[in-house]
Amino acid sequence: MCDAMEAMMTKKRIEVGISNLGEALDGFEKAWRVAEKGESSAPLVRLTFGSLPLLLKSLTPARWALLEYLKRHGPLSINELAKRLERHYKNVHTDVTHLIELGLVERGDDQRVAVMWDVVAAEMRLAA
């Protein structure tokens, strides 16, 4: 296998999307059946929201910019991140706390924060 292909396969990936409870349960049931058969499948990490407005409220442009910056330059303290982004500490702290709750950012033992994902893939389907 070529190095580029190997690197793509080992990248940590999270899928972000919109899903209702029924779709989420269907996905869980499918994964359960695969596991029952003893088949292996690649681990799938998903972050789903019940609606587009909820997704956009959680992943605002400022939070997305924070994620991008933190991925390139992290790990950083929240104070250092606020200075570099030229934003108020309180707002950055609020955004980082929310992103930690969503599982998009991690806080280390040294209190610095970092993005653990290499790929954040988003999918939004139009209602049929």
Protein backbone atom coordinates (compact mmCIF):
# COMPACT_ATOMS: atom_id res chain seq x y z
CA MET A 1 0.00 0.00 0.00
CA CYS A 2 1.35 3.46 -0.85
CA ASP A 3 2.23 5.93 1.92
CA ALA A 4 -0.50 8.40 0.92
CA MET A 5 -3.18 5.71 1.07
CA GLU A 6 -1.91 4.48 4.43
CA ALA A 7 -1.95 8.02 5.82
CA MET A 8 -5.56 8.50 4.68
CA MET A 9 -6.60 5.27 6.34
CA THR A 10 -5.05 6.17 9.70
CA LYS A 11 -6.46 9.69 9.94
CA LYS A 12 -8.92 10.28 12.76
CA ARG A 13 -12.26 11.12 11.18
CA ILE A 14 -15.58 12.30 12.58
CA GLU A 15 -18.74 12.62 10.51
CA VAL A 16 -21.08 15.49 11.30
CA GLY A 17 -24.62 15.48 10.02
CA ILE A 18 -28.32 15.83 10.59
CA SER A 19 -30.32 12.81 11.63
CA ASN A 20 -33.54 12.00 13.40
CA LEU A 21 -33.85 9.43 16.16
CA GLY A 22 -35.14 6.75 13.80
CA GLU A 23 -32.13 7.08 11.49
CA ALA A 24 -29.76 6.97 14.45
CA LEU A 25 -31.39 3.81 15.77
CA ASP A 26 -31.24 2.21 12.31
CA GLY A 27 -27.50 2.88 12.20
CA PHE A 28 -27.04 1.40 15.65
CA GLU A 29 -29.03 -1.70 14.69
CA LYS A 30 -26.96 -2.18 11.53
CA ALA A 31 -23.71 -1.94 13.51
CA TRP A 32 -25.07 -4.36 16.11
CA ARG A 33 -25.92 -6.94 13.44
CA VAL A 34 -22.45 -6.69 11.90
CA ALA A 35 -20.91 -7.21 15.33
CA GLU A 36 -23.20 -10.19 16.06
CA LYS A 37 -21.99 -11.89 12.89
CA GLY A 38 -18.42 -11.44 14.07
CA GLU A 39 -17.63 -9.26 11.07
CA SER A 40 -15.27 -6.40 11.51
CA SER A 41 -15.96 -2.92 10.28
CA ALA A 42 -14.05 0.30 10.44
CA PRO A 43 -14.96 2.32 13.53
CA LEU A 44 -17.34 5.14 12.72
CA VAL A 45 -17.57 8.26 14.85
CA ARG A 46 -20.59 10.45 14.23
CA LEU A 47 -21.86 13.71 15.65
CA THR A 48 -25.49 14.20 14.69
CA PHE A 49 -27.89 17.06 15.18
CA GLY A 50 -31.67 16.93 14.99
CA SER A 51 -31.91 19.84 12.56
CA LEU A 52 -29.82 22.18 10.42
CA PRO A 53 -30.54 25.19 12.68
CA LEU A 54 -29.20 23.20 15.66
CA LEU A 55 -26.04 22.25 13.74
CA LEU A 56 -25.45 25.85 12.65
CA LYS A 57 -26.04 27.11 16.20
CA SER A 58 -23.42 24.68 17.52
CA LEU A 59 -20.83 25.07 14.76
CA THR A 60 -20.84 28.81 14.19
CA PRO A 61 -18.33 30.43 11.81
CA ALA A 62 -16.32 31.64 14.85
CA ARG A 63 -16.19 28.12 16.30
CA TRP A 64 -15.19 26.64 12.94
CA ALA A 65 -12.37 29.21 12.64
CA LEU A 66 -11.28 28.31 16.18
CA LEU A 67 -11.21 24.59 15.25
CA GLU A 68 -9.14 25.28 12.14
CA TYR A 69 -6.67 27.48 14.01
CA LEU A 70 -6.36 25.05 16.90
CA LYS A 71 -5.77 22.13 14.53
CA ARG A 72 -2.91 24.00 12.81
CA HIS A 73 -1.31 25.57 15.90
CA GLY A 74 -2.47 23.62 18.97
CA PRO A 75 -2.38 22.49 21.61
CA LEU A 76 -2.80 25.89 23.25
CA SER A 77 -4.15 27.34 26.46
CA ILE A 78 -7.49 29.07 26.09
CA ASN A 79 -5.83 32.35 27.03
CA GLU A 80 -3.18 31.96 24.30
CA LEU A 81 -5.84 30.90 21.79
CA ALA A 82 -7.92 34.00 22.58
CA LYS A 83 -4.89 36.27 22.14
CA ARG A 84 -3.93 34.70 18.81
CA LEU A 85 -7.49 34.82 17.48
CA GLU A 86 -7.83 38.40 18.78
CA ARG A 87 -11.06 37.49 20.56
CA HIS A 88 -12.23 38.04 24.13
CA TYR A 89 -11.18 35.31 26.54
CA LYS A 90 -14.75 34.74 27.80
CA ASN A 91 -16.10 34.11 24.29
CA VAL A 92 -13.26 31.74 23.40
CA HIS A 93 -13.74 29.92 26.71
CA THR A 94 -17.47 29.51 25.98
CA ASP A 95 -16.75 28.23 22.46
CA VAL A 96 -14.05 25.81 23.60
CA THR A 97 -16.31 24.47 26.37
CA HIS A 98 -19.07 23.81 23.84
CA LEU A 99 -16.66 22.15 21.39
CA ILE A 100 -15.36 19.92 24.21
CA GLU A 101 -18.94 18.92 25.02
CA LEU A 102 -19.46 18.00 21.35
CA GLY A 103 -16.27 15.93 21.33
CA LEU A 104 -14.50 18.07 18.73
CA VAL A 105 -11.86 19.43 21.13
CA GLU A 106 -9.96 17.75 23.99
CA ARG A 107 -8.43 19.31 27.09
CA GLY A 108 -5.11 17.81 28.17
CA ASP A 109 -3.79 17.28 31.68
CA ASP A 110 -1.85 20.53 31.26
CA GLN A 111 -5.19 22.34 30.55
CA ARG A 112 -4.19 23.08 26.96
CA VAL A 113 -6.80 22.28 24.32
CA ALA A 114 -6.37 20.56 20.96
CA VAL A 115 -8.36 19.18 18.05
CA MET A 116 -7.91 15.42 17.87
CA TRP A 117 -9.59 14.95 14.50
CA ASP A 118 -7.77 15.04 11.18
CA VAL A 119 -11.00 15.10 9.17
CA VAL A 120 -14.37 16.57 10.05
CA ALA A 121 -16.72 15.46 7.27
CA ALA A 122 -20.16 17.05 7.06
CA GLU A 123 -23.19 15.79 5.19
CA MET A 124 -26.52 17.54 4.89
CA ARG A 125 -29.30 16.04 2.79
CA LEU A 126 -32.24 17.92 1.38
CA ALA A 127 -35.57 16.51 2.48
CA ALA A 128 -37.19 14.40 -0.22
